[in-house]
Amino acid sequence: MGEYQEKVETLKTLKEIAEKLNEGMEMKETLHEVLHMLMDVTGFHSAWIYFIEKDGSYELMAEVSLPEALAKHQKQLMCQNDCYCINRYTKGSLQSATNIINCKRIETAIEEKLGDTEGITHHATVPLQACKRTFGLLNVAAKGKVTFTQEELNLLESIALQIGTAIQRMKLVQNEQQHALLEERNRLAQDLHDSVNQMLFSVSLTAKAARQMTSDQNLGEMIDFIQHLSQDALIEMRSLIWQLRPRGLEKGFTTAIEEYAQLLGLRCNLSLLGCIEMDHSHNETLFRVCQEALNNCQKHAEVEEVEVKLEQSKDTLEMKIIDHGKGFQYDEQMSLPSLGLKGMSDRIQRAGGTFCIHSELGKGTTIHVKVPFSQERKGSS
């Protein structure tokens, strides 16, 4: 009777896991809750999920009850360096639930005396996949447990399949939301162009005509001010429309940047090294960063010329935006001094890259970004 009741409770929890995955919309929150439920049904100690890209880069998406040694320093050991399971996954040799001989991260924690490992030395690892797509790994560990039975691995594999299917569904929903957002931005850009942009253009023309009709000096100066103000507002509006819907980006990154620089009244010297090939995501990310940098050059650097260098190596896209303008004091130990720079940094970090800035008063500013590049994900430039 006890064994029967245990199986009933297990099936009940599995049903609850399936329902949670089916209802979940926020990726990390859902995965975190499911791991807690998984620990309840299996009695294991710790679990964590990695999302892994084809180039081997990875992100810790969810975890529960990590031992002290792995949780220390904001889970630094879990988010850096390589490990056996991720290496096997990347090489394609990890196709089903399996025992990992030992945990390399635990080994490192012991060597560096990072804290209590709570008796964990090994873990089971299960690929997260759905419809021939793979997303990452589910790892499960328990105190003193060095081998997982085939029945336990089968259970983990069935749950991992549910998780993989849910991940695919949530990614599809996210793509739909992004598409809807893009359509809304395009609609707003068109509305701004058709209404506010045309009104500002009319104000500028009217002021110009009024200036020619008066000889009164004071009135003329006021009209001149209105005309200049409307022209400045027109430039700002066109810049905003560009930010909502970049014109020319479908023709490639370089064309879009040259046209945007021209809109701002800047001469842009572009240099390319390597065969520049970018997927849509990299195209959008680097364009937005360069766009904000050009805005800063036009508003703050007081320059008429800017240099943009783009280089692609085997696994990296690298971009530098250089001006020789006013510059500013910047300490790398301090937070970024403006929302624009913070936004650029956040975009690059979301793409898995690095963002650096160097600036000196009177000597100009250089923005240097790198994002990972995979030959398998390349698209048109």
Protein backbone atom coordinates (compact mmCIF):
# COMPACT_ATOMS: atom_id res chain seq x y z
CA MET A 1 0.00 0.00 0.00
CA GLY A 2 2.87 2.36 0.83
CA GLU A 3 4.55 1.78 -2.55
CA TYR A 4 1.24 2.27 -4.34
CA GLN A 5 0.58 5.53 -2.49
CA GLU A 6 4.11 6.72 -3.35
CA LYS A 7 3.48 6.10 -7.06
CA VAL A 8 0.17 7.97 -6.87
CA GLU A 9 1.91 10.96 -5.27
CA THR A 10 4.63 10.84 -7.93
CA LEU A 11 2.09 10.84 -10.77
CA LYS A 12 0.22 13.68 -9.09
CA THR A 13 3.38 15.79 -8.87
CA LEU A 14 4.29 14.99 -12.49
CA LYS A 15 0.82 16.18 -13.52
CA GLU A 16 1.36 19.41 -11.57
CA ILE A 17 4.75 19.90 -13.23
CA ALA A 18 3.14 19.46 -16.65
CA GLU A 19 0.41 21.97 -15.79
CA LYS A 20 2.93 24.50 -14.49
CA LEU A 21 5.00 24.18 -17.66
CA ASN A 22 1.89 24.48 -19.82
CA GLU A 23 0.74 27.65 -18.05
CA GLY A 24 4.11 29.34 -17.54
CA MET A 25 4.94 32.46 -19.53
CA GLU A 26 8.01 33.88 -17.78
CA MET A 27 10.93 31.59 -18.57
CA LYS A 28 13.17 31.83 -15.51
CA GLU A 29 10.36 31.97 -12.97
CA THR A 30 8.64 28.92 -14.46
CA LEU A 31 11.84 26.87 -14.63
CA HIS A 32 12.70 27.77 -11.04
CA GLU A 33 9.30 26.63 -9.77
CA VAL A 34 9.48 23.39 -11.78
CA LEU A 35 12.89 22.55 -10.28
CA HIS A 36 11.41 22.88 -6.80
CA MET A 37 8.62 20.52 -7.78
CA LEU A 38 11.14 18.10 -9.29
CA MET A 39 13.07 17.99 -6.02
CA ASP A 40 9.84 17.15 -4.18
CA VAL A 41 9.00 14.21 -6.43
CA THR A 42 12.52 12.76 -6.62
CA GLY A 43 13.94 13.55 -3.21
CA PHE A 44 17.18 14.78 -4.78
CA HIS A 45 19.10 17.69 -3.24
CA SER A 46 20.05 20.15 -5.98
CA ALA A 47 19.14 20.91 -9.59
CA TRP A 48 20.07 23.50 -12.18
CA ILE A 49 19.33 24.29 -15.81
CA TYR A 50 21.72 25.67 -18.43
CA PHE A 51 20.72 27.17 -21.76
CA ILE A 52 23.58 26.46 -24.19
CA GLU A 53 24.36 28.00 -27.59
CA LYS A 54 25.96 26.07 -30.43
CA ASP A 55 29.26 27.89 -29.87
CA GLY A 56 29.41 26.56 -26.29
CA SER A 57 28.41 29.79 -24.55
CA TYR A 58 25.87 29.17 -21.81
CA GLU A 59 23.60 30.80 -19.24
CA LEU A 60 22.47 29.52 -15.86
CA MET A 61 18.69 29.86 -16.23
CA ALA A 62 17.43 28.31 -12.98
CA GLU A 63 18.75 26.56 -9.87
CA VAL A 64 17.55 25.25 -6.51
CA SER A 65 19.44 24.36 -3.34
CA LEU A 66 22.97 24.73 -4.67
CA PRO A 67 25.59 23.74 -2.08
CA GLU A 68 27.49 26.60 -0.46
CA ALA A 69 30.59 26.01 -2.59
CA LEU A 70 28.65 26.45 -5.85
CA ALA A 71 26.44 29.31 -4.64
CA LYS A 72 29.34 31.42 -3.33
CA HIS A 73 30.22 34.79 -4.91
CA GLN A 74 26.80 35.06 -6.61
CA LYS A 75 27.14 31.59 -8.21
CA GLN A 76 30.33 32.67 -10.00
CA LEU A 77 31.61 29.10 -10.33
CA MET A 78 28.35 28.05 -11.99
CA CYS A 79 28.52 30.85 -14.56
CA GLN A 80 32.17 30.63 -15.62
CA ASN A 81 34.68 28.11 -16.94
CA ASP A 82 33.90 24.85 -18.68
CA CYS A 83 32.62 21.53 -17.36
CA TYR A 84 32.25 17.94 -18.51
CA CYS A 85 28.53 18.01 -19.21
CA ILE A 86 28.56 21.21 -21.30
CA ASN A 87 31.61 20.03 -23.25
CA ARG A 88 29.87 16.72 -24.07
CA TYR A 89 26.67 18.54 -25.00
CA THR A 90 28.51 20.94 -27.33
CA LYS A 91 30.35 18.07 -29.03
CA GLY A 92 27.04 16.30 -29.62
CA SER A 93 27.91 13.23 -27.54
CA LEU A 94 25.21 13.80 -24.92
CA GLN A 95 21.94 12.64 -26.43
CA SER A 96 20.02 11.20 -23.47
CA ALA A 97 19.90 11.14 -19.67
CA THR A 98 23.20 9.92 -18.27
CA ASN A 99 25.40 9.77 -15.20
CA ILE A 100 28.28 12.22 -15.16
CA ILE A 101 31.32 10.54 -13.56
CA ASN A 102 31.95 13.56 -11.37
CA CYS A 103 31.26 17.29 -11.32
CA LYS A 104 34.17 19.41 -12.50
CA ARG A 105 32.74 22.49 -10.79
CA ILE A 106 32.68 20.61 -7.47
CA GLU A 107 36.28 19.57 -8.07
CA THR A 108 37.23 23.21 -8.62
CA ALA A 109 35.29 24.30 -5.51
CA ILE A 110 37.21 21.76 -3.41
CA GLU A 111 40.58 22.77 -4.89
CA GLU A 112 39.90 26.45 -4.24
CA LYS A 113 38.34 25.77 -0.81
CA LEU A 114 35.20 27.73 -1.65
CA GLY A 115 33.05 26.12 1.04
CA ASP A 116 30.87 23.16 1.89
CA THR A 117 29.95 20.93 -1.07
CA GLU A 118 27.32 19.25 1.13
CA GLY A 119 28.34 15.76 0.06
CA ILE A 120 27.65 16.32 -3.65
CA THR A 121 30.29 14.89 -5.98
CA HIS A 122 28.32 13.65 -9.03
CA HIS A 123 25.19 14.59 -10.94
CA ALA A 124 22.88 13.22 -13.59
CA THR A 125 22.61 15.27 -16.72
CA VAL A 126 19.71 15.35 -19.21
CA PRO A 127 19.45 17.25 -22.53
CA LEU A 128 16.48 19.61 -22.86
CA GLN A 129 15.04 19.10 -26.32
CA ALA A 130 11.84 19.22 -28.35
CA CYS A 131 11.09 18.58 -32.03
CA LYS A 132 14.76 17.87 -32.83
CA ARG A 133 15.81 21.18 -31.25
CA THR A 134 18.07 21.25 -28.21
CA PHE A 135 18.10 24.09 -25.69
CA GLY A 136 20.47 23.06 -22.91
CA LEU A 137 20.83 20.74 -19.93
CA LEU A 138 19.04 19.74 -16.75
CA ASN A 139 21.45 18.65 -14.02
CA VAL A 140 20.34 16.90 -10.83
CA ALA A 141 22.45 15.95 -7.79
CA ALA A 142 22.01 14.40 -4.36
CA LYS A 143 24.20 14.10 -1.28
CA GLY A 144 26.46 11.05 -1.46
CA LYS A 145 24.84 9.84 -4.70
CA VAL A 146 27.38 8.75 -7.33
CA THR A 147 25.08 6.71 -9.61
CA PHE A 148 21.51 7.22 -10.75
CA THR A 149 19.40 4.18 -11.59
CA GLN A 150 17.93 3.69 -15.05
CA GLU A 151 14.46 4.24 -13.58
CA GLU A 152 15.59 7.60 -12.16
CA LEU A 153 17.18 8.59 -15.48
CA ASN A 154 13.98 7.63 -17.34
CA LEU A 155 11.95 9.82 -14.99
CA LEU A 156 14.35 12.74 -15.45
CA GLU A 157 14.26 12.26 -19.21
CA SER A 158 10.44 12.42 -19.32
CA ILE A 159 10.46 15.61 -17.23
CA ALA A 160 13.24 17.09 -19.38
CA LEU A 161 11.12 16.44 -22.48
CA GLN A 162 8.24 18.34 -20.87
CA ILE A 163 10.60 21.19 -19.98
CA GLY A 164 12.03 21.26 -23.52
CA THR A 165 8.54 21.42 -25.05
CA ALA A 166 7.60 24.26 -22.69
CA ILE A 167 10.79 26.16 -23.55
CA GLN A 168 10.01 25.88 -27.24
CA ARG A 169 6.46 27.14 -26.63
CA MET A 170 7.66 30.11 -24.56
CA LYS A 171 10.27 31.00 -27.17
CA LEU A 172 7.58 30.98 -29.87
CA VAL A 173 5.41 33.28 -27.72
CA GLN A 174 8.38 35.61 -27.18
CA ASN A 175 9.01 35.72 -30.94
CA GLU A 176 5.34 36.56 -31.55
CA GLN A 177 5.52 39.34 -28.95
CA GLN A 178 8.68 40.75 -30.54
CA HIS A 179 7.00 40.67 -33.95
CA ALA A 180 3.95 42.47 -32.54
CA LEU A 181 6.24 45.07 -30.92
CA LEU A 182 8.06 45.62 -34.22
CA GLU A 183 4.76 46.14 -36.03
CA GLU A 184 3.65 48.64 -33.38
CA ARG A 185 6.93 50.54 -33.67
CA ASN A 186 6.52 50.66 -37.45
CA ARG A 187 2.96 51.96 -37.07
CA LEU A 188 4.05 54.64 -34.59
CA ALA A 189 6.93 55.69 -36.84
CA GLN A 190 4.56 56.05 -39.79
CA ASP A 191 2.10 58.07 -37.69
CA LEU A 192 4.88 60.40 -36.51
CA HIS A 193 6.09 60.83 -40.08
CA ASP A 194 2.62 61.54 -41.45
CA SER A 195 1.54 63.97 -38.71
CA VAL A 196 4.11 65.57 -36.40
CA ASN A 197 6.95 65.47 -38.91
CA GLN A 198 4.85 67.18 -41.59
CA MET A 199 3.56 69.77 -39.12
CA LEU A 200 7.09 70.74 -38.08
CA PHE A 201 8.10 70.99 -41.73
CA SER A 202 5.13 73.31 -42.35
CA VAL A 203 6.06 75.48 -39.34
CA SER A 204 9.60 75.84 -40.70
CA LEU A 205 8.36 76.85 -44.17
CA THR A 206 5.80 79.28 -42.69
CA ALA A 207 8.45 80.94 -40.53
CA LYS A 208 10.77 81.28 -43.51
CA ALA A 209 8.00 82.93 -45.55
CA ALA A 210 7.03 85.24 -42.65
CA ARG A 211 10.65 86.36 -42.28
CA GLN A 212 10.68 87.58 -45.86
CA MET A 213 7.50 89.60 -45.29
CA THR A 214 8.73 91.77 -42.40
CA SER A 215 11.39 94.39 -42.01
CA ASP A 216 10.90 94.76 -38.27
CA GLN A 217 14.19 93.70 -36.63
CA ASN A 218 12.76 92.41 -33.33
CA LEU A 219 9.97 90.51 -35.05
CA GLY A 220 12.45 89.14 -37.57
CA GLU A 221 14.68 87.81 -34.81
CA MET A 222 11.72 86.07 -33.18
CA ILE A 223 10.71 84.50 -36.50
CA ASP A 224 14.32 83.38 -37.07
CA PHE A 225 14.28 81.75 -33.64
CA ILE A 226 11.00 79.95 -34.46
CA GLN A 227 12.44 78.72 -37.76
CA HIS A 228 15.66 77.44 -36.18
CA LEU A 229 13.71 75.82 -33.34
CA SER A 230 11.36 74.07 -35.77
CA GLN A 231 14.32 72.85 -37.85
CA ASP A 232 16.01 71.44 -34.74
CA ALA A 233 12.75 69.77 -33.73
CA LEU A 234 12.43 68.34 -37.24
CA ILE A 235 15.89 66.77 -36.99
CA GLU A 236 15.00 65.33 -33.57
CA MET A 237 11.74 63.93 -34.93
CA ARG A 238 13.43 62.30 -37.91
CA SER A 239 16.01 60.82 -35.56
CA LEU A 240 13.21 59.43 -33.38
CA ILE A 241 11.49 57.92 -36.41
CA TRP A 242 14.79 56.29 -37.37
CA GLN A 243 15.10 54.81 -33.89
CA LEU A 244 11.62 53.34 -34.16
CA ARG A 245 12.04 52.08 -37.72
CA PRO A 246 15.59 52.15 -39.11
CA ARG A 247 15.42 52.97 -42.79
CA GLY A 248 17.96 51.11 -44.89
CA LEU A 249 18.74 48.38 -42.33
CA GLU A 250 17.19 45.83 -44.69
CA LYS A 251 19.95 46.83 -47.14
CA GLY A 252 22.67 46.09 -44.59
CA PHE A 253 24.34 47.56 -41.54
CA THR A 254 26.76 49.84 -43.40
CA THR A 255 24.06 51.41 -45.58
CA ALA A 256 21.86 52.12 -42.57
CA ILE A 257 24.70 53.71 -40.60
CA GLU A 258 25.82 55.90 -43.50
CA GLU A 259 22.26 57.14 -44.06
CA TYR A 260 21.69 57.80 -40.36
CA ALA A 261 24.97 59.72 -40.03
CA GLN A 262 23.97 61.79 -43.05
CA LEU A 263 20.63 62.55 -41.39
CA LEU A 264 22.49 63.89 -38.33
CA GLY A 265 24.82 65.98 -40.47
CA LEU A 266 27.88 63.83 -39.73
CA ARG A 267 30.52 62.49 -42.08
CA CYS A 268 30.95 58.81 -41.27
CA ASN A 269 34.18 57.08 -42.28
CA LEU A 270 33.39 53.36 -42.36
CA SER A 271 36.08 50.69 -42.56
CA LEU A 272 35.43 46.95 -42.79
CA LEU A 273 37.89 44.16 -42.10
CA GLY A 274 36.95 40.61 -42.91
CA CYS A 275 33.86 39.24 -44.66
CA ILE A 276 31.16 40.92 -42.59
CA GLU A 277 28.17 38.58 -42.23
CA MET A 278 25.56 39.15 -39.52
CA ASP A 279 22.29 37.54 -38.57
CA HIS A 280 19.27 39.79 -37.97
CA SER A 281 19.86 39.91 -34.20
CA HIS A 282 23.47 41.10 -34.52
CA ASN A 283 22.47 43.54 -37.26
CA GLU A 284 19.87 45.14 -34.99
CA THR A 285 22.09 45.13 -31.88
CA LEU A 286 25.16 46.71 -33.48
CA PHE A 287 23.05 49.21 -35.41
CA ARG A 288 21.26 50.41 -32.25
CA VAL A 289 24.56 50.79 -30.40
CA CYS A 290 26.15 52.69 -33.29
CA GLN A 291 23.00 54.80 -33.67
CA GLU A 292 23.16 55.93 -30.04
CA ALA A 293 26.89 56.61 -30.34
CA LEU A 294 26.29 58.81 -33.41
CA ASN A 295 23.56 60.67 -31.51
CA ASN A 296 26.08 61.41 -28.76
CA CYS A 297 28.62 62.62 -31.32
CA GLN A 298 26.09 64.99 -32.84
CA LYS A 299 24.77 66.32 -29.50
CA HIS A 300 27.77 66.33 -27.18
CA ALA A 301 31.10 65.71 -28.93
CA GLU A 302 30.80 68.79 -31.20
CA VAL A 303 32.34 67.02 -34.18
CA GLU A 304 31.38 66.79 -37.85
CA GLU A 305 33.21 63.54 -38.51
CA VAL A 306 33.13 60.12 -36.86
CA GLU A 307 34.93 56.87 -37.58
CA VAL A 308 33.25 53.45 -37.46
CA LYS A 309 35.38 50.31 -37.70
CA LEU A 310 33.79 46.88 -38.10
CA GLU A 311 35.84 43.69 -38.02
CA GLN A 312 34.82 40.04 -38.12
CA SER A 313 37.08 37.22 -37.05
CA LYS A 314 36.23 33.52 -36.87
CA ASP A 315 34.08 33.80 -33.76
CA THR A 316 33.78 37.54 -32.96
CA LEU A 317 32.17 40.66 -34.39
CA GLU A 318 34.02 43.76 -33.23
CA MET A 319 32.98 47.39 -33.64
CA LYS A 320 34.67 50.68 -32.71
CA ILE A 321 33.05 54.13 -32.90
CA ILE A 322 35.70 56.86 -32.64
CA ASP A 323 35.36 60.63 -32.46
CA HIS A 324 37.97 63.30 -31.73
CA GLY A 325 35.60 65.68 -29.99
CA LYS A 326 35.19 67.14 -26.51
CA GLY A 327 35.37 63.86 -24.62
CA PHE A 328 34.53 63.54 -20.92
CA GLN A 329 35.97 62.24 -17.69
CA TYR A 330 35.17 58.59 -17.17
CA ASP A 331 36.28 56.13 -14.52
CA GLU A 332 35.77 52.45 -15.40
CA GLN A 333 35.14 51.70 -11.72
CA MET A 334 32.11 54.02 -11.70
CA SER A 335 28.71 53.41 -13.28
CA LEU A 336 28.12 54.63 -16.83
CA PRO A 337 27.36 58.39 -16.84
CA SER A 338 24.23 58.38 -19.02
CA LEU A 339 21.18 56.29 -19.82
CA GLY A 340 22.26 56.17 -23.47
CA LEU A 341 25.61 54.57 -22.62
CA LYS A 342 23.91 52.25 -20.13
CA GLY A 343 21.45 51.19 -22.84
CA MET A 344 24.30 50.42 -25.23
CA SER A 345 26.09 48.35 -22.60
CA ASP A 346 22.91 46.42 -21.76
CA ARG A 347 22.27 45.57 -25.42
CA ILE A 348 25.78 44.18 -25.86
CA GLN A 349 25.59 42.20 -22.62
CA ARG A 350 22.28 40.65 -23.71
CA ALA A 351 24.04 39.56 -26.90
CA GLY A 352 26.73 37.88 -24.78
CA GLY A 353 29.38 40.44 -25.68
CA THR A 354 31.59 43.06 -24.02
CA PHE A 355 31.26 46.85 -23.96
CA CYS A 356 34.18 49.21 -23.28
CA ILE A 357 34.45 52.98 -23.42
CA HIS A 358 37.51 55.23 -23.32
CA SER A 359 37.21 59.00 -23.19
CA GLU A 360 39.43 61.94 -22.25
CA LEU A 361 38.59 65.62 -22.03
CA GLY A 362 39.59 67.33 -25.26
CA LYS A 363 40.75 64.06 -26.88
CA GLY A 364 37.52 62.40 -27.88
CA THR A 365 35.77 59.13 -27.17
CA THR A 366 36.10 55.55 -28.36
CA ILE A 367 33.37 52.95 -27.88
CA HIS A 368 34.58 49.39 -28.36
CA VAL A 369 32.18 46.44 -28.47
CA LYS A 370 32.58 42.73 -29.18
CA VAL A 371 29.85 40.15 -29.68
CA PRO A 372 30.27 36.41 -30.26
CA PHE A 373 29.77 35.22 -33.83
CA SER A 374 28.84 31.72 -34.96
CA GLN A 375 29.30 30.60 -38.55
CA GLU A 376 26.21 28.45 -38.15
CA ARG A 377 24.02 31.45 -37.30
CA LYS A 378 25.26 33.89 -39.92
CA GLY A 379 22.87 35.76 -42.13
CA SER A 380 23.03 38.58 -44.62
CA SER A 381 24.90 41.75 -43.82
